[in-house]
Amino acid sequence: MVISRACYQVAAICITTLSFLIWIFHSSAGGGSTQHQVLRNQHESKFPFSSPVIPSPSLDNVQLRDAIHDILNQTLGFQKIYAISMPHRTDKRDYLALMGYVSNLQIDFIDGVNGSEMHPKSHPSFWKGTASTGDYGVWRAHLNIYQHMLSHNIQTALILEDDADWDILLRHQMLDFAHGARAIQNSSLLNPALHSPYGDTWDLLALGHIGANNKPNKVQKYWITQNDITVIPSQKRTWSRIPDFSAPALAEGKDEQMRVVMEVSKFTGAAAYGISLRGAARLLYDQALLPNAQAIDVAMLALCRHASSSDPFLCLGAYPMLFGRYRAIGPETKDSDRRSSSNEVVPGSGGFQDQKERVEARSEFTVFPVSLNLGGLLTGERKFVANVDGVQEGKERFEIDLAEYVFPKGREVLVGPEEYVARQSKINRKERVKKEQ
């Protein structure tokens, strides 16, 4: 039997038509192409599955091509969010997982390092300051992240310690911080070339310190945001390291609800900080190859403090801080893993830990902490009362309605070294003493 060429053509047309109809039916039924699958996944990643309550700030007046939109993603515009946590601290990982869930943050856990289990050959050959196995472990855990960033070309990362806490309005805070960081770096808001919403010339972002200094010896820009209800009152700022805000343009630091984005000279603590790939390389080189190994926050401080035009290391930070610390109920000895597992006062153990019991969970340095409001966030609450540790003594704890609150807008100010009253007074005193001698 001989089949004509025309029959083959008709059969081919029928098969093609049938395949097209099957594809259409499959797409409408939920299978479909990769593009349809991507669109469906994007839809499924949105409310109500990822973040039950917390609204994101509005960016209607910003062009879509600008990187500042990335603050709304699951990593706050960083390529990764890492949380350093000992493998056995499943309790702290539970808490961070819950906080990340209600905040729509994707947090990758990085195993902490037990300094007592480090091989002696992996200890730094030179160590500045008092050495303890706990300090070695913390130091190594941070360096492991820097090493990972270099090996995997991670451009930016937000690094958290496992007791970090943050405000319900974190994205609003980070958006304001991004505006300030860009202003200081002279980065235009509508710059399509920027890769990071925070600008592209920074090395380190001090976000979860417990005290920081500015650089009053140079002409520089600041970003000040007033009437920010997420700023803890001065009465609750129990740290000793404070910036010089005596310049009139900085309101002399008298505004109880003023947050400032600034270039940082020195800071204490590293509960949360941003690091760029360039910054990670600099820190790894400084700590692993040079005889500068020391407690990691002190190592960062040294690079920030001694940065110059010939040896740049741009450190930006928020004051007061944006990230606080969560303190769970139970034995206070569980707060930190830096110290040795024993509470004996032994040289090199890192010190004695008390045996007090905390009967009520606390959040330090936050006003509307996610940690203490997890129950309400999980059940869809929209109104929250300020943290008792975030309100001035004797003042009533105020309430915020997430559906109505509008975050204040910051502004840029330029300050010269001669404008700092405190600095000028110090210079004048030195000159008088010099003349008297």
Protein backbone atom coordinates (compact mmCIF):
# COMPACT_ATOMS: atom_id res chain seq x y z
CA MET A 1 0.00 0.00 0.00
CA VAL A 2 1.40 3.37 -0.98
CA ILE A 3 0.57 6.44 1.19
CA SER A 4 0.62 9.71 -0.67
CA ARG A 5 2.72 12.74 0.38
CA ALA A 6 -0.51 14.67 1.06
CA CYS A 7 -1.57 12.11 3.68
CA TYR A 8 1.70 12.56 5.53
CA GLN A 9 1.17 16.34 5.57
CA VAL A 10 -2.37 16.01 6.92
CA ALA A 11 -1.18 13.62 9.65
CA ALA A 12 1.57 16.03 10.67
CA ILE A 13 -0.89 18.92 10.95
CA CYS A 14 -3.23 16.82 13.09
CA ILE A 15 -0.45 15.75 15.46
CA THR A 16 0.75 19.36 15.82
CA THR A 17 -2.79 20.61 16.51
CA LEU A 18 -3.40 17.84 19.05
CA SER A 19 -0.10 18.63 20.84
CA PHE A 20 -1.01 22.31 21.04
CA LEU A 21 -4.42 21.53 22.54
CA ILE A 22 -2.84 19.20 25.13
CA TRP A 23 -0.34 21.98 26.09
CA ILE A 24 -3.16 24.52 26.50
CA PHE A 25 -5.17 22.13 28.68
CA HIS A 26 -2.11 21.19 30.77
CA SER A 27 -1.22 24.86 31.40
CA SER A 28 -4.71 25.77 32.54
CA ALA A 29 -4.80 22.72 34.80
CA GLY A 30 -1.70 23.72 36.71
CA GLY A 31 1.28 22.18 34.89
CA GLY A 32 2.45 24.32 32.02
CA SER A 33 5.69 25.92 31.01
CA THR A 34 8.55 27.06 33.19
CA GLN A 35 7.33 30.63 32.90
CA HIS A 36 3.90 29.68 34.25
CA GLN A 37 5.55 27.72 37.06
CA VAL A 38 7.70 30.72 38.01
CA LEU A 39 4.68 33.02 38.09
CA ARG A 40 2.81 30.53 40.23
CA ASN A 41 5.75 30.18 42.63
CA GLN A 42 5.99 33.95 42.92
CA HIS A 43 2.33 34.10 43.83
CA GLU A 44 2.67 31.32 46.37
CA SER A 45 5.60 33.07 48.10
CA LYS A 46 3.48 36.09 48.97
CA PHE A 47 1.05 36.81 51.81
CA PRO A 48 -0.43 34.96 53.62
CA PHE A 49 2.15 32.15 53.54
CA SER A 50 5.40 34.04 54.12
CA SER A 51 4.62 37.02 56.34
CA PRO A 52 1.25 37.02 58.08
CA VAL A 53 1.08 40.67 59.10
CA ILE A 54 4.03 42.97 58.73
CA PRO A 55 3.43 45.38 55.84
CA SER A 56 6.23 46.52 53.58
CA PRO A 57 7.00 50.19 52.98
CA SER A 58 5.62 51.84 49.87
CA LEU A 59 8.03 52.46 47.00
CA ASP A 60 5.53 53.82 44.49
CA ASN A 61 7.63 56.91 43.77
CA VAL A 62 10.81 54.94 43.03
CA GLN A 63 11.61 53.63 39.58
CA LEU A 64 11.35 49.85 39.26
CA ARG A 65 14.91 49.53 37.98
CA ASP A 66 16.39 50.86 41.22
CA ALA A 67 18.07 48.36 43.56
CA ILE A 68 16.33 49.91 46.57
CA HIS A 69 13.36 47.68 45.78
CA ASP A 70 15.48 44.73 46.86
CA ILE A 71 14.96 45.74 50.50
CA LEU A 72 11.51 44.21 50.08
CA ASN A 73 12.94 40.79 49.23
CA GLN A 74 13.61 37.97 51.69
CA THR A 75 17.20 39.05 52.38
CA LEU A 76 16.65 42.83 52.83
CA GLY A 77 18.62 43.52 49.66
CA PHE A 78 21.67 41.51 50.73
CA GLN A 79 22.59 38.45 48.73
CA LYS A 80 22.44 36.31 51.86
CA ILE A 81 21.44 36.49 55.52
CA TYR A 82 23.58 34.26 57.75
CA ALA A 83 22.95 33.50 61.41
CA ILE A 84 25.83 32.07 63.41
CA SER A 85 24.54 29.48 65.86
CA MET A 86 26.08 26.50 67.63
CA PRO A 87 24.68 23.23 66.23
CA HIS A 88 23.35 22.22 69.64
CA ARG A 89 21.46 25.52 70.18
CA THR A 90 18.26 24.33 68.58
CA ASP A 91 16.37 26.61 70.98
CA LYS A 92 17.92 29.70 69.44
CA ARG A 93 17.40 28.38 65.93
CA ASP A 94 13.71 27.84 66.72
CA TYR A 95 13.36 31.44 67.78
CA LEU A 96 15.20 32.83 64.75
CA ALA A 97 13.21 30.61 62.39
CA LEU A 98 9.96 31.98 63.82
CA MET A 99 11.19 35.56 63.66
CA GLY A 100 12.33 35.07 60.09
CA TYR A 101 8.97 33.57 59.15
CA VAL A 102 6.81 36.43 60.41
CA SER A 103 9.31 38.96 58.97
CA ASN A 104 9.49 37.19 55.59
CA LEU A 105 13.25 36.73 55.89
CA GLN A 106 15.26 33.80 54.56
CA ILE A 107 17.96 33.07 57.14
CA ASP A 108 20.70 30.51 56.51
CA PHE A 109 22.22 29.03 59.67
CA ILE A 110 25.98 28.77 59.89
CA ASP A 111 27.41 26.47 62.54
CA GLY A 112 29.25 28.22 65.32
CA VAL A 113 32.68 26.97 66.35
CA ASN A 114 33.56 25.51 69.73
CA GLY A 115 36.94 27.07 70.40
CA SER A 116 37.97 24.27 72.76
CA GLU A 117 37.64 21.79 69.89
CA MET A 118 39.74 23.76 67.42
CA HIS A 119 42.94 22.05 66.41
CA PRO A 120 45.92 23.87 67.94
CA LYS A 121 47.38 24.43 64.49
CA SER A 122 44.25 26.37 63.50
CA HIS A 123 44.70 28.85 66.33
CA PRO A 124 45.94 32.26 65.21
CA SER A 125 49.72 32.57 65.54
CA PHE A 126 49.35 36.05 67.03
CA TRP A 127 46.46 37.18 69.20
CA LYS A 128 45.91 40.69 70.49
CA GLY A 129 44.40 40.91 73.95
CA THR A 130 43.36 38.20 76.37
CA ALA A 131 42.90 34.87 74.63
CA SER A 132 40.08 32.51 75.52
CA THR A 133 38.73 29.47 73.75
CA GLY A 134 35.37 31.23 73.47
CA ASP A 135 36.91 34.19 71.65
CA TYR A 136 38.76 31.82 69.32
CA GLY A 137 35.51 30.09 68.43
CA VAL A 138 33.55 33.28 67.73
CA TRP A 139 36.45 34.66 65.71
CA ARG A 140 36.71 31.50 63.61
CA ALA A 141 32.97 31.34 62.93
CA HIS A 142 32.97 34.83 61.42
CA LEU A 143 36.08 34.07 59.37
CA ASN A 144 34.40 30.93 58.06
CA ILE A 145 31.64 33.12 56.62
CA TYR A 146 34.16 35.46 54.98
CA GLN A 147 35.93 32.45 53.50
CA HIS A 148 32.59 31.11 52.22
CA MET A 149 31.71 34.46 50.65
CA LEU A 150 34.99 34.54 48.75
CA SER A 151 34.68 30.93 47.61
CA HIS A 152 31.10 31.40 46.39
CA ASN A 153 31.32 35.00 45.19
CA ILE A 154 28.69 36.25 47.65
CA GLN A 155 28.61 39.99 47.00
CA THR A 156 26.91 41.11 50.23
CA ALA A 157 25.71 39.43 53.39
CA LEU A 158 23.90 40.35 56.58
CA ILE A 159 25.46 38.45 59.47
CA LEU A 160 23.49 37.86 62.66
CA GLU A 161 24.38 36.34 65.97
CA ASP A 162 21.75 33.93 67.20
CA ASP A 163 20.45 36.26 69.90
CA ALA A 164 19.76 39.09 67.46
CA ASP A 165 16.36 40.77 67.59
CA TRP A 166 14.76 43.38 65.38
CA ASP A 167 11.79 45.69 65.15
CA ILE A 168 8.48 44.92 63.50
CA LEU A 169 9.18 47.92 61.25
CA LEU A 170 12.59 46.61 60.19
CA ARG A 171 12.03 47.08 56.46
CA HIS A 172 10.95 50.67 57.00
CA GLN A 173 14.09 51.21 59.08
CA MET A 174 16.33 49.60 56.46
CA LEU A 175 14.76 51.65 53.69
CA ASP A 176 15.54 54.83 55.60
CA PHE A 177 19.04 53.53 56.32
CA ALA A 178 19.55 52.85 52.61
CA HIS A 179 18.65 56.45 51.78
CA GLY A 180 21.19 57.62 54.33
CA ALA A 181 23.93 55.25 53.21
CA ARG A 182 23.48 56.37 49.61
CA ALA A 183 23.56 60.03 50.56
CA ILE A 184 26.87 59.55 52.36
CA GLN A 185 28.30 57.67 49.36
CA ASN A 186 26.93 60.25 46.89
CA SER A 187 24.92 57.52 45.19
CA SER A 188 21.88 58.71 43.31
CA LEU A 189 18.57 57.12 44.25
CA LEU A 190 17.73 56.50 40.59
CA ASN A 191 21.01 54.88 39.63
CA PRO A 192 20.34 51.73 37.58
CA ALA A 193 24.02 50.78 37.82
CA LEU A 194 23.87 50.15 41.58
CA HIS A 195 23.88 46.52 42.67
CA SER A 196 23.12 47.05 46.36
CA PRO A 197 20.25 49.14 47.72
CA TYR A 198 22.78 50.53 50.22
CA GLY A 199 25.24 51.76 47.60
CA ASP A 200 28.27 49.98 46.19
CA THR A 201 31.29 51.52 47.93
CA TRP A 202 30.71 50.42 51.53
CA ASP A 203 32.70 47.66 53.20
CA LEU A 204 30.83 47.21 56.49
CA LEU A 205 27.45 48.26 57.88
CA ALA A 206 27.29 48.45 61.68
CA LEU A 207 23.63 47.67 62.40
CA GLY A 208 23.59 45.75 65.68
CA HIS A 209 26.32 47.33 67.79
CA ILE A 210 26.09 48.44 71.43
CA GLY A 211 27.61 51.86 70.99
CA ALA A 212 29.43 53.64 68.18
CA ASN A 213 31.58 56.70 67.47
CA ASN A 214 31.44 59.00 64.48
CA LYS A 215 34.32 60.86 62.81
CA PRO A 216 34.05 64.54 63.85
CA ASN A 217 37.49 65.36 62.43
CA LYS A 218 36.34 65.64 58.81
CA VAL A 219 33.74 67.28 56.60
CA GLN A 220 31.05 64.69 56.12
CA LYS A 221 27.41 63.97 55.43
CA TYR A 222 24.91 62.59 57.91
CA TRP A 223 21.39 61.35 57.44
CA ILE A 224 19.07 62.24 60.30
CA THR A 225 15.54 60.97 60.83
CA GLN A 226 13.52 62.62 63.56
CA ASN A 227 10.30 61.53 65.25
CA ASP A 228 11.21 57.88 64.72
CA ILE A 229 9.23 55.95 67.35
CA THR A 230 11.48 52.88 66.89
CA VAL A 231 14.40 54.71 68.54
CA ILE A 232 15.00 53.74 72.16
CA PRO A 233 15.20 56.67 74.63
CA SER A 234 18.57 57.88 75.89
CA GLN A 235 17.73 56.54 79.35
CA LYS A 236 17.85 53.01 77.94
CA ARG A 237 21.19 53.51 76.16
CA THR A 238 23.34 51.80 78.73
CA TRP A 239 26.55 51.69 76.70
CA SER A 240 29.52 54.02 77.07
CA ARG A 241 30.53 54.51 73.43
CA ILE A 242 28.53 57.44 72.04
CA PRO A 243 29.02 59.68 68.99
CA ASP A 244 29.71 63.41 69.06
CA PHE A 245 26.43 65.01 68.01
CA SER A 246 27.28 68.43 69.43
CA ALA A 247 27.10 70.13 66.01
CA PRO A 248 23.93 72.28 65.77
CA ALA A 249 22.98 70.59 62.49
CA LEU A 250 22.70 67.33 64.38
CA ALA A 251 20.29 68.87 66.89
CA GLU A 252 22.99 68.33 69.51
CA GLY A 253 21.63 64.85 70.02
CA LYS A 254 18.73 66.21 72.07
CA ASP A 255 15.96 64.63 69.99
CA GLU A 256 14.96 61.49 71.89
CA GLN A 257 13.54 59.98 68.71
CA MET A 258 16.31 60.83 66.27
CA ARG A 259 18.29 58.16 64.42
CA VAL A 260 21.44 59.05 62.52
CA VAL A 261 23.17 57.25 59.66
CA MET A 262 26.86 58.11 59.72
CA GLU A 263 30.36 57.02 58.90
CA VAL A 264 31.55 54.96 61.86
CA SER A 265 34.95 55.21 63.50
CA LYS A 266 34.61 52.69 66.31
CA PHE A 267 31.82 50.46 67.55
CA THR A 268 31.29 47.70 70.10
CA GLY A 269 29.48 44.43 69.48
CA ALA A 270 28.51 42.56 66.34
CA ALA A 271 25.01 41.20 66.90
CA ALA A 272 24.19 42.23 63.32
CA TYR A 273 26.28 43.75 60.55
CA GLY A 274 26.42 43.92 56.80
CA ILE A 275 29.58 42.97 54.96
CA SER A 276 30.47 43.33 51.30
CA LEU A 277 32.64 40.86 49.38
CA ARG A 278 35.43 43.43 49.37
CA GLY A 279 35.02 43.96 53.12
CA ALA A 280 35.06 40.20 53.76
CA ALA A 281 38.31 39.88 51.80
CA ARG A 282 39.90 42.72 53.75
CA LEU A 283 38.89 41.27 57.11
CA LEU A 284 40.00 37.76 56.18
CA TYR A 285 43.37 39.07 55.02
CA ASP A 286 43.77 41.22 58.12
CA GLN A 287 42.88 38.43 60.54
CA ALA A 288 44.28 35.33 58.84
CA LEU A 289 47.50 36.56 57.24
CA LEU A 290 48.59 39.55 59.30
CA PRO A 291 49.51 39.48 63.02
CA ASN A 292 46.26 41.25 63.92
CA ALA A 293 43.99 38.44 65.13
CA GLN A 294 41.70 39.59 67.93
CA ALA A 295 38.05 39.59 69.02
CA ILE A 296 36.12 40.02 65.79
CA ASP A 297 34.29 43.24 66.67
CA VAL A 298 37.61 44.78 67.74
CA ALA A 299 39.14 43.67 64.44
CA MET A 300 36.33 45.42 62.55
CA LEU A 301 36.74 48.50 64.73
CA ALA A 302 40.45 48.72 63.89
CA LEU A 303 39.84 48.67 60.13
CA CYS A 304 37.05 51.24 60.40
CA ARG A 305 39.05 53.53 62.67
CA HIS A 306 42.25 53.57 60.64
CA ALA A 307 40.69 53.81 57.20
CA SER A 308 42.19 56.49 54.96
CA SER A 309 42.28 57.54 51.32
CA SER A 310 45.32 55.32 50.80
CA ASP A 311 43.80 52.44 52.81
CA PRO A 312 40.03 52.75 52.39
CA PHE A 313 37.56 50.74 54.43
CA LEU A 314 34.16 52.43 54.48
CA CYS A 315 32.11 51.66 57.58
CA LEU A 316 28.61 53.06 57.83
CA GLY A 317 26.25 52.61 60.72
CA ALA A 318 23.01 53.62 62.38
CA TYR A 319 22.88 55.27 65.79
CA PRO A 320 21.12 54.10 67.83
CA MET A 321 21.35 50.59 66.47
CA LEU A 322 18.71 48.87 64.33
CA PHE A 323 19.11 45.35 65.75
CA GLY A 324 18.83 44.47 69.42
CA ARG A 325 19.22 41.33 71.51
CA TYR A 326 16.67 38.78 72.67
CA ARG A 327 16.89 37.33 76.17
CA ALA A 328 14.76 34.22 76.63
CA ILE A 329 13.18 32.98 79.83
CA GLY A 330 15.18 30.47 81.84
CA PRO A 331 18.78 30.35 83.09
CA GLU A 332 20.77 33.43 82.13
CA THR A 333 23.75 31.15 81.54
CA LYS A 334 22.06 30.17 78.26
CA ASP A 335 22.40 33.68 76.85
CA SER A 336 25.90 33.21 75.47
CA ASP A 337 28.00 30.39 74.05
CA ARG A 338 31.16 32.48 73.95
CA ARG A 339 32.16 31.35 77.43
CA SER A 340 33.30 27.86 78.28
CA SER A 341 30.77 25.18 79.15
CA SER A 342 32.10 25.21 82.70
CA ASN A 343 31.29 28.06 85.05
CA GLU A 344 34.52 27.64 86.97
CA VAL A 345 36.69 30.74 87.21
CA VAL A 346 39.64 29.34 85.28
CA PRO A 347 42.16 31.45 83.33
CA GLY A 348 41.18 31.36 79.69
CA SER A 349 37.63 30.16 80.35
CA GLY A 350 36.16 33.52 79.43
CA GLY A 351 34.80 34.28 82.89
CA PHE A 352 32.07 33.22 85.29
CA GLN A 353 28.42 33.02 84.32
CA ASP A 354 25.79 33.56 86.98
CA GLN A 355 23.02 31.10 87.67
CA LYS A 356 20.09 33.52 87.74
CA GLU A 357 16.75 32.55 86.28
CA ARG A 358 14.94 34.96 83.98
CA VAL A 359 11.21 34.64 84.56
CA GLU A 360 10.15 36.95 81.75
CA ALA A 361 11.62 37.22 78.26
CA ARG A 362 13.21 40.55 77.34
CA SER A 363 14.35 42.37 74.24
CA GLU A 364 17.17 44.87 74.61
CA PHE A 365 17.52 48.03 72.47
CA THR A 366 14.24 47.57 70.55
CA VAL A 367 10.88 49.33 70.81
CA PHE A 368 8.55 46.97 68.92
CA PRO A 369 10.55 43.72 68.94
CA VAL A 370 9.44 40.85 66.77
CA SER A 371 10.52 38.38 69.47
CA LEU A 372 8.07 39.59 72.13
CA ASN A 373 5.25 39.99 69.61
CA LEU A 374 5.46 36.62 67.86
CA GLY A 375 2.12 35.49 69.28
CA GLY A 376 0.29 38.52 67.93
CA LEU A 377 2.07 38.40 64.58
CA LEU A 378 1.21 34.74 64.08
CA THR A 379 -2.48 35.39 64.76
CA GLY A 380 -2.82 38.46 62.56
CA GLU A 381 -2.68 41.29 65.08
CA ARG A 382 -2.00 44.76 63.68
CA LYS A 383 -1.70 46.82 66.85
CA PHE A 384 1.30 46.47 69.14
CA VAL A 385 2.39 48.11 72.38
CA ALA A 386 5.94 49.36 72.87
CA ASN A 387 8.44 47.15 74.68
CA VAL A 388 8.86 48.11 78.32
CA ASP A 389 12.64 48.21 77.76
CA GLY A 390 12.13 50.57 74.83
CA VAL A 391 10.20 53.27 76.69
CA GLN A 392 11.53 55.92 79.07
CA GLU A 393 10.93 55.29 82.77
CA GLY A 394 7.70 56.87 83.95
CA LYS A 395 6.32 57.24 80.43
CA GLU A 396 3.27 55.36 79.20
CA ARG A 397 3.86 52.52 76.76
CA PHE A 398 2.47 53.75 73.46
CA GLU A 399 0.77 51.72 70.74
CA ILE A 400 1.35 51.41 67.00
CA ASP A 401 -1.16 50.41 64.34
CA LEU A 402 0.64 48.81 61.39
CA ALA A 403 -2.27 49.60 59.09
CA GLU A 404 -2.00 53.36 59.69
CA TYR A 405 1.56 54.20 60.74
CA VAL A 406 3.66 56.25 58.31
CA PHE A 407 7.41 56.10 58.84
CA PRO A 408 9.13 59.53 58.95
CA LYS A 409 11.45 60.67 56.17
CA GLY A 410 15.07 61.48 56.88
CA ARG A 411 17.18 64.28 55.47
CA GLU A 412 20.80 64.88 54.60
CA VAL A 413 23.01 67.35 56.50
CA LEU A 414 26.60 68.38 55.92
CA VAL A 415 28.81 69.03 58.95
CA GLY A 416 32.37 70.40 59.14
CA PRO A 417 34.86 69.62 61.94
CA GLU A 418 34.67 73.17 63.30
CA GLU A 419 30.94 72.79 63.98
CA TYR A 420 31.32 70.20 66.74
CA VAL A 421 31.09 72.14 69.98
CA ALA A 422 32.51 69.32 72.07
CA ARG A 423 35.45 68.80 69.73
CA GLN A 424 36.28 72.50 69.62
CA SER A 425 36.14 72.72 73.42
CA LYS A 426 38.56 69.81 73.67
CA ILE A 427 40.94 71.45 71.17
CA ASN A 428 40.78 74.74 73.05
CA ARG A 429 41.58 73.02 76.35
CA LYS A 430 44.59 71.33 74.83
CA GLU A 431 45.84 74.62 73.42
CA ARG A 432 45.47 76.34 76.82
CA VAL A 433 47.38 73.55 78.55
CA LYS A 434 50.10 73.75 75.93
CA LYS A 435 50.49 77.52 76.41
CA GLU A 436 50.60 77.16 80.19
CA GLN A 437 53.45 74.71 79.88
